[in-house]
């Protein structure tokens, strides 16, 4: 009787551990995807800043020419 209860308990614990491991794996995958998106957006933002800086420079030059 104790052997059967022990086996049942062991199976339940094993199933819960597997479920938790699956959740951890899925969460890690989502985090990796999010990190990739953040990196892409950071790069895009940096490129946009460079474009804006160039536009600002050009507007200043045009403004000086119009004076």
N, C-alpha and C. Protein backbone atom coordinates (compact mmCIF):
# COMPACT_ATOMS: atom_id res chain seq x y z
N UNK A 1 0.84 -1.21 0.00
CA UNK A 1 0.00 0.00 0.00
C UNK A 1 0.88 1.27 0.00
N UNK A 2 1.89 1.30 0.86
CA UNK A 2 2.78 2.46 0.90
C UNK A 2 3.54 2.63 -0.41
N UNK A 3 3.91 1.52 -1.01
CA UNK A 3 4.64 1.58 -2.27
C UNK A 3 3.78 2.22 -3.34
N UNK A 4 2.49 1.86 -3.38
CA UNK A 4 1.58 2.43 -4.37
C UNK A 4 1.39 3.93 -4.12
N UNK A 5 1.21 4.31 -2.86
CA UNK A 5 1.05 5.73 -2.53
C UNK A 5 2.32 6.52 -2.88
N UNK A 6 3.46 5.94 -2.58
CA UNK A 6 4.73 6.59 -2.90
C UNK A 6 4.87 6.78 -4.40
N UNK A 7 4.52 5.73 -5.15
CA UNK A 7 4.62 5.80 -6.61
C UNK A 7 3.68 6.87 -7.16
N UNK A 8 2.46 6.92 -6.63
CA UNK A 8 1.49 7.92 -7.07
C UNK A 8 1.99 9.33 -6.76
N UNK A 9 2.50 9.50 -5.56
CA UNK A 9 3.03 10.81 -5.16
C UNK A 9 4.22 11.20 -6.04
N UNK A 10 5.08 10.25 -6.30
CA UNK A 10 6.25 10.51 -7.15
C UNK A 10 5.80 10.92 -8.56
N UNK A 11 4.78 10.25 -9.09
CA UNK A 11 4.28 10.60 -10.43
C UNK A 11 3.70 12.01 -10.45
N UNK A 12 2.94 12.35 -9.41
CA UNK A 12 2.35 13.70 -9.34
C UNK A 12 3.45 14.76 -9.28
N UNK A 13 4.45 14.51 -8.46
CA UNK A 13 5.56 15.47 -8.34
C UNK A 13 6.29 15.59 -9.67
N UNK A 14 6.53 14.47 -10.32
CA UNK A 14 7.22 14.47 -11.61
C UNK A 14 6.42 15.25 -12.64
N UNK A 15 5.10 15.06 -12.66
CA UNK A 15 4.25 15.78 -13.62
C UNK A 15 4.29 17.28 -13.36
N UNK A 16 4.22 17.66 -12.07
CA UNK A 16 4.26 19.09 -11.75
C UNK A 16 5.61 19.69 -12.14
N UNK A 17 6.68 18.97 -11.88
CA UNK A 17 8.01 19.46 -12.25
C UNK A 17 8.12 19.62 -13.77
N UNK A 18 7.58 18.67 -14.50
CA UNK A 18 7.62 18.77 -15.97
C UNK A 18 6.81 19.97 -16.45
N UNK A 19 5.64 20.18 -15.82
CA UNK A 19 4.81 21.32 -16.20
C UNK A 19 5.54 22.63 -15.90
N UNK A 20 6.18 22.70 -14.74
CA UNK A 20 6.93 23.91 -14.40
C UNK A 20 8.10 24.11 -15.34
N UNK A 21 8.77 23.05 -15.70
CA UNK A 21 9.90 23.16 -16.62
C UNK A 21 9.43 23.65 -17.99
N UNK A 22 8.27 23.16 -18.42
CA UNK A 22 7.71 23.60 -19.69
C UNK A 22 7.38 25.09 -19.64
N UNK A 23 6.80 25.52 -18.52
CA UNK A 23 6.49 26.93 -18.35
C UNK A 23 7.75 27.78 -18.38
N UNK A 24 8.79 27.32 -17.71
CA UNK A 24 10.06 28.04 -17.71
C UNK A 24 10.63 28.13 -19.12
N UNK A 25 10.58 27.03 -19.85
CA UNK A 25 11.09 27.01 -21.22
C UNK A 25 10.32 28.00 -22.10
N UNK A 26 8.99 27.99 -21.98
CA UNK A 26 8.16 28.90 -22.78
C UNK A 26 8.46 30.36 -22.41
N UNK A 27 8.61 30.61 -21.12
CA UNK A 27 8.91 31.97 -20.67
C UNK A 27 10.26 32.43 -21.19
N UNK A 28 11.25 31.57 -21.15
CA UNK A 28 12.58 31.91 -21.67
C UNK A 28 12.52 32.22 -23.16
N UNK A 29 11.75 31.44 -23.89
CA UNK A 29 11.60 31.68 -25.33
C UNK A 29 10.97 33.05 -25.57
N UNK A 30 9.92 33.37 -24.81
CA UNK A 30 9.27 34.67 -24.96
C UNK A 30 10.23 35.80 -24.60
N UNK A 31 11.01 35.61 -23.56
CA UNK A 31 11.99 36.63 -23.17
C UNK A 31 13.04 36.85 -24.26
N UNK A 32 13.50 35.77 -24.86
CA UNK A 32 14.47 35.90 -25.95
C UNK A 32 13.88 36.66 -27.12
N UNK A 33 12.61 36.36 -27.46
CA UNK A 33 11.95 37.08 -28.55
C UNK A 33 11.81 38.56 -28.20
N UNK A 34 11.42 38.84 -26.97
CA UNK A 34 11.28 40.23 -26.54
C UNK A 34 12.61 40.95 -26.59
N UNK A 35 13.66 40.30 -26.15
CA UNK A 35 14.99 40.92 -26.18
C UNK A 35 15.42 41.23 -27.61
N UNK A 36 15.12 40.31 -28.53
CA UNK A 36 15.45 40.57 -29.94
C UNK A 36 14.69 41.79 -30.45
N UNK A 37 13.41 41.88 -30.09
CA UNK A 37 12.61 43.03 -30.53
C UNK A 37 13.16 44.33 -29.95
N UNK A 38 13.55 44.29 -28.68
CA UNK A 38 14.12 45.49 -28.04
C UNK A 38 15.40 45.90 -28.76
N UNK A 39 16.24 44.93 -29.09
CA UNK A 39 17.48 45.24 -29.80
C UNK A 39 17.18 45.86 -31.16
N UNK A 40 16.20 45.30 -31.87
CA UNK A 40 15.84 45.85 -33.18
C UNK A 40 15.32 47.28 -33.04
N UNK A 41 14.44 47.49 -32.05
CA UNK A 41 13.88 48.83 -31.86
C UNK A 41 14.95 49.83 -31.42
N UNK A 42 15.89 49.38 -30.62
CA UNK A 42 16.98 50.25 -30.19
C UNK A 42 17.83 50.67 -31.39
N UNK A 43 18.12 49.71 -32.25
CA UNK A 43 18.90 50.01 -33.46
C UNK A 43 18.13 50.97 -34.36
N UNK A 44 16.84 50.69 -34.54
CA UNK A 44 16.01 51.54 -35.38
C UNK A 44 15.95 52.96 -34.80
N UNK A 45 15.81 53.04 -33.49
CA UNK A 45 15.75 54.34 -32.83
C UNK A 45 17.05 55.12 -33.04
N UNK A 46 18.16 54.42 -32.93
CA UNK A 46 19.46 55.06 -33.13
C UNK A 46 19.58 55.60 -34.56
N UNK A 47 19.12 54.80 -35.51
CA UNK A 47 19.17 55.24 -36.91
C UNK A 47 18.27 56.45 -37.13
N UNK A 48 17.09 56.43 -36.50
CA UNK A 48 16.17 57.57 -36.62
C UNK A 48 16.77 58.83 -36.01
N UNK A 49 17.46 58.67 -34.89
CA UNK A 49 18.12 59.82 -34.26
C UNK A 49 19.16 60.42 -35.19
N UNK A 50 19.91 59.58 -35.87
CA UNK A 50 20.92 60.07 -36.81
C UNK A 50 20.27 60.86 -37.94
N UNK A 51 19.15 60.34 -38.45
CA UNK A 51 18.44 61.03 -39.53
C UNK A 51 17.94 62.38 -39.03
N UNK A 52 17.37 62.39 -37.83
CA UNK A 52 16.87 63.65 -37.27
C UNK A 52 17.99 64.65 -37.05
N UNK A 53 19.13 64.19 -36.58
CA UNK A 53 20.27 65.08 -36.40
C UNK A 53 20.72 65.68 -37.73
N UNK A 54 20.72 64.87 -38.76
CA UNK A 54 21.11 65.35 -40.09
C UNK A 54 20.10 66.37 -40.60
N UNK A 55 18.81 66.08 -40.40
CA UNK A 55 17.78 67.03 -40.82
C UNK A 55 17.91 68.35 -40.07
N UNK A 56 18.15 68.27 -38.79
CA UNK A 56 18.32 69.48 -37.99
C UNK A 56 19.49 70.31 -38.51
N UNK A 57 20.57 69.64 -38.81
CA UNK A 57 21.76 70.32 -39.34
C UNK A 57 21.42 71.01 -40.66
N UNK A 58 20.70 70.30 -41.53
CA UNK A 58 20.33 70.88 -42.82
C UNK A 58 19.39 72.07 -42.65
N UNK A 59 18.45 71.97 -41.71
CA UNK A 59 17.54 73.09 -41.48
C UNK A 59 18.29 74.31 -40.94
N UNK A 60 19.26 74.07 -40.08
CA UNK A 60 20.06 75.18 -39.57
C UNK A 60 20.82 75.85 -40.70
N UNK A 61 21.39 75.04 -41.58
CA UNK A 61 22.13 75.60 -42.72
C UNK A 61 21.20 76.40 -43.63
N UNK A 62 20.01 75.86 -43.87
CA UNK A 62 19.04 76.59 -44.71
C UNK A 62 18.62 77.89 -44.05
N UNK A 63 18.41 77.82 -42.75
CA UNK A 63 18.02 79.01 -42.01
C UNK A 63 19.08 80.09 -42.11
N UNK A 64 20.33 79.70 -42.01
CA UNK A 64 21.44 80.66 -42.11
C UNK A 64 21.51 81.26 -43.51
N UNK A 65 21.21 80.45 -44.50
CA UNK A 65 21.25 80.94 -45.88
C UNK A 65 20.13 81.95 -46.13
N UNK A 66 19.01 81.78 -45.44
CA UNK A 66 17.88 82.67 -45.65
C UNK A 66 18.03 84.00 -44.91
N UNK A 67 18.94 84.07 -43.98
CA UNK A 67 19.13 85.32 -43.22
C UNK A 67 19.75 86.41 -44.06
